[in-house]
Amino acid sequence: MSSNPLSAYACPSLPRDAFARAALEGLGRAQKFIPSAWLYDQRGSELFEEITRLDEYYQTRTEIGILQACAPLLAEAVAPGTVIIELGSGSSRKTPLLLRALREPHAYVPVDIAEDFLRASASALAANFPKLTVLPVVADFTQPFHLPPQVSDTPHPRLGFFPGSTIGNFTPAEAVRFLQHAARLLGRNRRMVVGVDATKDAAILVPAYNDSRGITAEFNLNLLRRINLELGADFDVTAFRHEARYHDKLGRIEMHLVSQRKQTVNLLGHRFSFEPEETIHTENSYKYSVPEFQALAASAGWHPQAVWQDPARCFSVHLLSNIVSEIA
C-alpha cells in the first residue's frame, strides 16, 4: 500500500444541505437546538484547539497523560497490522501517542466533518509518520459512511479511536446508538478506545466551558457566523451571548447561545423569532463514572476490556472489545 498521503486522500463531499436541514429543523423546535457537530468548521476547529490549551480545560492534558501511561498496555492488546479509525479526528493531536505505541499499524483513517482542517492535520501527521498510509475521510461520523477502498475490503483488524470525551456530546440513548454504529463500522475483529470525562464539582466543570479569556464563547458564537456565511442567514451575532450551564441531576454541561433581546432571524425563506433570554442549545457534555460508562458500553454490545484513569480520577480512557478478555 502506498504511503503517499496526497495520493491516499479519499474525501467524499459532505452534502451541503445537511447543515441547512439541521439548522432549519433545530431552530423550529420549541427549545431551539443545533447539533454540536456543526460547531466545527475551519474557524471552529481552530478555536477548539485553542480551548484545549486553556488552563481551565483540564480534559485534554489529563487524557494525554493517561494515554502516555497506558500506551504500552494498549500495544499489547492491539494486534500488529491494525487499521486505526479515528472518529471526529480534529487536529489528531493525541493520535501520535497511539501510533508510536502500536506495532506496525496498517493504516490510519481520520474522519471529520471539517474538510480543510482535516486535510491539514492529516497531511501534518503523514509527514511525521512517512511509512504510514493516511486516508482522511470527510463525513459526519455519527452517520453511515464508506471507508476508503484501500481498507474497506481488507482482513486487517480495526481499532476505533474516540478520544476527547466526545462521547459526552450524545445523550445516553444517543451514545448507545453511536457505539452500535461504531461496532458495525469496525466489523467483527474490533476494539475501540474511548475517552470519558468524569463527574465532578461544578466549580471545575463550568469554567472548562466558559473560560476567562472568552475563547469558548467565541467558539460557540462562531456557529452563528457560520450560518450567516454558508446559509445566508442574518443573525446579529452581537445580540447573543454564550452561556454554560451545569445540570447535576442530568450529569451534563450544556452550552447555549442566549438571545439578549426580542428579535427575528431570516434563514432560507424561514423566519425564526426569539424572545429575550431564549436560547439555542448547541452542545451537551455528559459526565460518567467508570461503572456508568462501562454499563452504557455493555448495553451497546461492547465488552469493557480495560480502563485507565489519572490519579485524581478526573478522566478515564476505556478499551472496549467484541471479545470478552482482560489485559494483565
Protein backbone atom coordinates (compact mmCIF):
# COMPACT_ATOMS: atom_id res chain seq x y z
CA MET A 1 0.00 0.00 0.00
CA SER A 2 1.31 3.43 -0.91
CA SER A 3 2.35 5.66 1.97
CA ASN A 4 1.99 8.83 -0.09
CA PRO A 5 -0.65 10.84 1.81
CA LEU A 6 -1.52 13.03 -1.17
CA SER A 7 -2.49 10.07 -3.34
CA ALA A 8 -4.21 8.38 -0.40
CA TYR A 9 -6.88 11.01 0.25
CA ALA A 10 -10.38 9.59 -0.04
CA CYS A 11 -12.64 12.50 0.87
CA PRO A 12 -16.20 12.24 -0.42
CA SER A 13 -18.13 15.51 -0.49
CA LEU A 14 -20.29 16.09 2.56
CA PRO A 15 -23.78 17.18 1.47
CA ARG A 16 -24.06 20.96 1.92
CA ASP A 17 -27.77 20.71 2.52
CA ALA A 18 -27.20 18.63 5.67
CA PHE A 19 -26.21 21.80 7.51
CA ALA A 20 -29.28 23.60 6.21
CA ARG A 21 -31.58 20.77 7.29
CA ALA A 22 -30.04 20.69 10.77
CA ALA A 23 -30.36 24.47 11.19
CA LEU A 24 -33.93 24.70 9.91
CA GLU A 25 -35.15 21.72 11.91
CA GLY A 26 -33.35 22.77 15.06
CA LEU A 27 -34.42 26.41 15.00
CA GLY A 28 -38.03 25.28 14.52
CA ARG A 29 -38.12 23.42 17.85
CA ALA A 30 -39.68 24.79 21.00
CA GLN A 31 -36.20 24.59 22.54
CA LYS A 32 -34.05 25.68 19.64
CA PHE A 33 -31.18 23.25 19.12
CA ILE A 34 -28.35 22.83 16.60
CA PRO A 35 -26.16 19.70 16.94
CA SER A 36 -22.64 20.37 18.19
CA ALA A 37 -21.07 18.74 15.12
CA TRP A 38 -21.79 21.97 13.22
CA LEU A 39 -19.60 23.98 15.57
CA TYR A 40 -16.58 22.57 13.73
CA ASP A 41 -15.96 24.46 10.53
CA GLN A 42 -12.37 25.59 9.88
CA ARG A 43 -12.61 28.51 12.32
CA GLY A 44 -14.50 26.48 14.90
CA SER A 45 -11.89 23.72 14.76
CA GLU A 46 -9.11 26.27 15.23
CA LEU A 47 -10.89 27.80 18.20
CA PHE A 48 -11.45 24.41 19.79
CA GLU A 49 -7.75 23.63 19.52
CA GLU A 50 -7.12 26.88 21.36
CA ILE A 51 -9.63 25.82 24.03
CA THR A 52 -7.78 22.55 24.62
CA ARG A 53 -4.70 24.54 25.69
CA LEU A 54 -6.51 26.72 28.22
CA ASP A 55 -5.79 26.36 31.94
CA GLU A 56 -9.48 25.76 32.68
CA TYR A 57 -9.83 22.99 30.10
CA TYR A 58 -8.32 20.09 32.05
CA GLN A 59 -9.65 17.33 29.76
CA THR A 60 -7.02 17.34 27.02
CA ARG A 61 -3.88 17.43 29.17
CA THR A 62 -5.37 14.83 31.54
CA GLU A 63 -6.25 12.44 28.73
CA ILE A 64 -2.83 12.89 27.13
CA GLY A 65 -1.21 11.93 30.44
CA ILE A 66 -3.36 8.80 30.66
CA LEU A 67 -2.57 7.79 27.07
CA GLN A 68 1.14 8.23 27.67
CA ALA A 69 0.93 5.99 30.71
CA CYS A 70 -1.25 3.25 29.20
CA ALA A 71 0.30 3.15 25.70
CA PRO A 72 2.41 0.02 26.37
CA LEU A 73 -0.64 -1.89 27.60
CA LEU A 74 -2.66 -0.76 24.60
CA ALA A 75 0.11 -2.01 22.33
CA GLU A 76 -0.08 -5.44 23.98
CA ALA A 77 -3.84 -5.59 23.36
CA VAL A 78 -3.84 -4.49 19.72
CA ALA A 79 -2.60 -6.86 17.02
CA PRO A 80 0.09 -5.82 14.51
CA GLY A 81 -1.28 -4.57 11.21
CA THR A 82 -4.37 -2.95 12.71
CA VAL A 83 -6.27 -0.18 10.89
CA ILE A 84 -6.87 2.79 13.20
CA ILE A 85 -10.08 4.72 12.51
CA GLU A 86 -10.37 7.97 14.45
CA LEU A 87 -13.90 9.33 14.60
CA GLY A 88 -14.02 13.13 14.88
CA SER A 89 -10.25 13.38 14.49
CA GLY A 90 -9.90 17.19 14.66
CA SER A 91 -6.20 18.04 14.90
CA SER A 92 -5.22 14.38 15.55
CA ARG A 93 -3.16 15.79 18.42
CA LYS A 94 -3.40 12.66 20.58
CA THR A 95 -3.03 10.22 17.69
CA PRO A 96 0.80 10.13 17.63
CA LEU A 97 0.77 8.71 21.18
CA LEU A 98 -1.26 5.78 19.89
CA LEU A 99 0.60 5.33 16.61
CA ARG A 100 4.01 5.28 18.26
CA ALA A 101 2.87 2.61 20.69
CA LEU A 102 1.18 0.25 18.24
CA ARG A 103 3.07 -2.42 16.32
CA GLU A 104 3.17 -1.77 12.57
CA PRO A 105 -0.28 -0.21 12.11
CA HIS A 106 -1.61 -0.94 8.65
CA ALA A 107 -3.28 2.46 8.04
CA TYR A 108 -4.75 5.47 9.78
CA VAL A 109 -8.20 6.76 8.76
CA PRO A 110 -9.12 10.11 10.34
CA VAL A 111 -12.80 11.02 9.92
CA ASP A 112 -14.04 14.56 10.45
CA ILE A 113 -16.69 16.97 9.22
CA ALA A 114 -14.33 19.97 8.69
CA GLU A 115 -12.62 19.18 5.38
CA ASP A 116 -9.91 21.85 5.26
CA PHE A 117 -8.90 21.27 8.87
CA LEU A 118 -8.93 17.50 8.31
CA ARG A 119 -6.68 17.69 5.26
CA ALA A 120 -4.19 19.94 7.04
CA SER A 121 -3.97 17.78 10.17
CA ALA A 122 -3.81 14.53 8.16
CA SER A 123 -1.01 15.92 6.00
CA ALA A 124 0.97 17.01 9.06
CA LEU A 125 0.56 13.62 10.69
CA ALA A 126 1.57 11.80 7.49
CA ALA A 127 4.74 13.90 7.35
CA ASN A 128 5.63 12.74 10.86
CA PHE A 129 4.85 9.09 10.04
CA PRO A 130 6.14 8.74 6.46
CA LYS A 131 5.75 4.94 6.40
CA LEU A 132 2.10 5.08 7.45
CA THR A 133 -0.75 5.19 4.95
CA VAL A 134 -3.09 8.05 5.92
CA LEU A 135 -6.59 8.03 4.40
CA PRO A 136 -8.70 11.00 5.57
CA VAL A 137 -12.46 10.87 5.09
CA VAL A 138 -14.79 13.87 5.23
CA ALA A 139 -18.00 12.66 6.85
CA ASP A 140 -20.41 13.08 9.72
CA PHE A 141 -19.04 10.21 11.80
CA THR A 142 -22.40 9.75 13.55
CA GLN A 143 -23.97 8.66 10.25
CA PRO A 144 -23.16 5.69 7.98
CA PHE A 145 -20.26 6.41 5.62
CA HIS A 146 -17.89 4.43 3.41
CA LEU A 147 -14.34 3.66 4.39
CA PRO A 148 -11.67 4.21 1.73
CA PRO A 149 -11.33 1.23 -0.64
CA GLN A 150 -7.73 0.71 0.49
CA VAL A 151 -9.01 -0.60 3.85
CA SER A 152 -12.70 -1.40 3.34
CA ASP A 153 -12.12 -4.89 1.94
CA THR A 154 -9.01 -5.95 3.85
CA PRO A 155 -8.90 -8.58 6.62
CA HIS A 156 -6.94 -6.34 8.98
CA PRO A 157 -8.41 -5.83 12.46
CA ARG A 158 -9.77 -2.37 13.21
CA LEU A 159 -9.30 -0.12 16.21
CA GLY A 160 -11.68 2.77 16.71
CA PHE A 161 -10.17 5.84 18.40
CA PHE A 162 -12.62 8.23 20.01
CA PRO A 163 -10.77 10.48 22.46
CA GLY A 164 -11.59 13.87 23.91
CA SER A 165 -14.76 12.91 25.85
CA THR A 166 -16.74 13.47 22.62
CA ILE A 167 -18.94 10.57 23.70
CA GLY A 168 -20.41 13.03 26.21
CA ASN A 169 -21.88 15.14 23.39
CA PHE A 170 -24.53 12.45 22.94
CA THR A 171 -27.42 11.80 25.30
CA PRO A 172 -27.03 8.35 26.91
CA ALA A 173 -29.51 6.86 24.42
CA GLU A 174 -27.68 8.51 21.52
CA ALA A 175 -24.36 7.27 22.90
CA VAL A 176 -25.64 3.70 22.84
CA ARG A 177 -26.76 4.10 19.22
CA PHE A 178 -23.42 5.66 18.30
CA LEU A 179 -21.45 2.82 19.89
CA GLN A 180 -23.61 0.34 17.99
CA HIS A 181 -22.93 2.29 14.79
CA ALA A 182 -19.19 2.23 15.55
CA ALA A 183 -19.34 -1.53 16.09
CA ARG A 184 -20.89 -2.02 12.65
CA LEU A 185 -18.26 0.22 11.06
CA LEU A 186 -15.34 -1.51 12.77
CA GLY A 187 -16.57 -5.00 11.93
CA ARG A 188 -16.04 -8.40 13.51
CA ASN A 189 -12.46 -8.14 14.77
CA ARG A 190 -12.74 -4.83 16.55
CA ARG A 191 -11.61 -2.80 19.51
CA MET A 192 -12.28 0.80 20.46
CA VAL A 193 -10.50 3.35 22.66
CA VAL A 194 -12.87 5.91 24.18
CA GLY A 195 -12.04 8.93 26.35
CA VAL A 196 -14.65 9.74 29.01
CA ASP A 197 -14.87 12.76 31.29
CA ALA A 198 -15.81 12.01 34.89
CA THR A 199 -18.49 13.54 37.07
CA LYS A 200 -17.05 16.27 39.27
CA ASP A 201 -17.78 19.55 41.04
CA ALA A 202 -19.45 22.35 39.07
CA ALA A 203 -16.69 24.70 40.18
CA ILE A 204 -14.32 22.74 37.95
CA LEU A 205 -16.73 21.90 35.14
CA VAL A 206 -18.31 25.28 34.39
CA PRO A 207 -15.03 27.21 33.85
CA ALA A 208 -13.92 24.48 31.42
CA TYR A 209 -16.85 25.52 29.21
CA ASN A 210 -16.79 29.25 29.94
CA ASP A 211 -13.15 30.28 30.22
CA SER A 212 -11.93 33.64 31.46
CA ARG A 213 -10.45 34.60 28.07
CA GLY A 214 -13.75 34.11 26.25
CA ILE A 215 -12.40 31.55 23.75
CA THR A 216 -15.26 29.13 24.38
CA ALA A 217 -17.75 31.97 23.93
CA GLU A 218 -16.14 32.83 20.58
CA PHE A 219 -16.26 29.14 19.61
CA ASN A 220 -19.98 28.95 20.36
CA LEU A 221 -20.85 32.27 18.69
CA ASN A 222 -18.90 31.22 15.60
CA LEU A 223 -21.80 28.87 14.82
CA LEU A 224 -24.00 31.90 14.08
CA ARG A 225 -21.31 33.40 11.85
CA ARG A 226 -21.09 30.10 10.00
CA ILE A 227 -24.86 30.00 9.44
CA ASN A 228 -24.71 33.55 8.10
CA LEU A 229 -21.78 32.81 5.81
CA GLU A 230 -22.77 29.40 4.47
CA LEU A 231 -26.58 29.56 4.58
CA GLY A 232 -27.24 33.28 4.08
CA ALA A 233 -28.92 33.93 7.44
CA ASP A 234 -28.97 37.37 9.05
CA PHE A 235 -28.08 36.62 12.68
CA ASP A 236 -26.86 39.67 14.58
CA VAL A 237 -24.09 37.85 16.43
CA THR A 238 -23.69 40.74 18.88
CA ALA A 239 -27.28 40.17 20.03
CA PHE A 240 -26.38 36.75 21.51
CA ARG A 241 -24.16 35.69 24.39
CA HIS A 242 -22.57 32.38 25.35
CA GLU A 243 -23.67 30.55 28.48
CA ALA A 244 -22.57 27.27 30.09
CA ARG A 245 -24.98 25.51 32.44
CA TYR A 246 -24.39 22.50 34.68
CA HIS A 247 -27.31 20.16 35.39
CA ASP A 248 -26.33 17.98 38.32
CA LYS A 249 -29.36 15.66 38.05
CA LEU A 250 -28.72 15.05 34.34
CA GLY A 251 -24.97 14.79 34.83
CA ARG A 252 -24.17 17.15 31.99
CA ILE A 253 -22.87 20.56 30.99
CA GLU A 254 -24.93 22.43 28.38
CA MET A 255 -23.79 25.22 26.09
CA HIS A 256 -26.35 27.78 24.95
CA LEU A 257 -26.48 30.90 22.81
CA VAL A 258 -28.76 33.34 24.63
CA SER A 259 -30.76 36.00 22.80
CA GLN A 260 -30.22 39.34 24.52
CA ARG A 261 -33.32 40.98 23.05
CA LYS A 262 -36.50 40.27 21.14
CA GLN A 263 -35.51 39.66 17.52
CA THR A 264 -36.30 37.82 14.29
CA VAL A 265 -33.81 35.92 12.14
CA ASN A 266 -34.26 35.02 8.48
CA LEU A 267 -32.86 31.78 7.12
CA LEU A 268 -33.55 30.22 3.72
CA GLY A 269 -37.00 31.74 3.42
CA HIS A 270 -38.00 30.99 7.02
CA ARG A 271 -38.36 33.45 9.91
CA PHE A 272 -37.46 32.48 13.45
CA SER A 273 -38.46 34.68 16.39
CA PHE A 274 -36.50 34.99 19.63
CA GLU A 275 -37.68 36.34 22.94
CA PRO A 276 -35.21 37.93 25.38
CA GLU A 277 -33.23 35.16 27.16
CA GLU A 278 -34.48 32.49 24.73
CA THR A 279 -31.64 30.16 23.78
CA ILE A 280 -30.22 27.96 21.07
CA HIS A 281 -28.92 24.82 22.77
CA THR A 282 -25.67 23.95 20.97
CA GLU A 283 -23.91 21.27 23.00
CA ASN A 284 -24.27 18.69 25.74
CA SER A 285 -21.33 17.18 27.57
CA TYR A 286 -22.36 14.25 29.76
CA LYS A 287 -20.05 13.06 32.51
CA TYR A 288 -19.77 9.40 33.53
CA SER A 289 -18.23 7.40 36.33
CA VAL A 290 -16.32 4.30 35.20
CA PRO A 291 -19.16 1.90 36.13
CA GLU A 292 -21.73 4.15 34.42
CA PHE A 293 -19.81 4.21 31.13
CA GLN A 294 -18.99 0.52 31.23
CA ALA A 295 -22.68 -0.28 31.68
CA LEU A 296 -23.56 2.03 28.79
CA ALA A 297 -20.95 0.39 26.53
CA ALA A 298 -22.14 -3.09 27.50
CA SER A 299 -25.72 -2.15 26.59
CA ALA A 300 -24.40 -1.28 23.11
CA GLY A 301 -22.83 -4.72 22.72
CA TRP A 302 -19.25 -3.88 23.73
CA HIS A 303 -17.21 -5.68 26.38
CA PRO A 304 -15.20 -3.43 28.71
CA GLN A 305 -11.66 -4.82 28.39
CA ALA A 306 -9.57 -2.30 30.33
CA VAL A 307 -9.78 1.17 31.84
CA TRP A 308 -7.15 3.68 32.89
CA GLN A 309 -7.54 6.87 34.95
CA ASP A 310 -5.44 9.78 36.16
CA PRO A 311 -4.52 9.84 39.87
CA ALA A 312 -7.30 12.35 40.64
CA ARG A 313 -9.85 10.25 38.70
CA CYS A 314 -10.90 13.26 36.63
CA PHE A 315 -10.93 11.31 33.36
CA SER A 316 -10.92 7.73 32.11
CA VAL A 317 -9.71 6.00 28.95
CA HIS A 318 -11.56 2.79 28.10
CA LEU A 319 -10.57 -0.09 25.86
CA LEU A 320 -13.68 -1.82 24.51
CA SER A 321 -13.77 -5.07 22.57
CA ASN A 322 -16.15 -7.54 20.99
CA ILE A 323 -14.17 -10.26 22.77
CA VAL A 324 -14.51 -10.99 26.48
CA SER A 325 -10.91 -10.74 27.72
CA GLU A 326 -8.67 -8.79 30.03
CA ILE A 327 -5.24 -7.20 29.95
CA ALA A 328 -2.89 -8.33 32.67
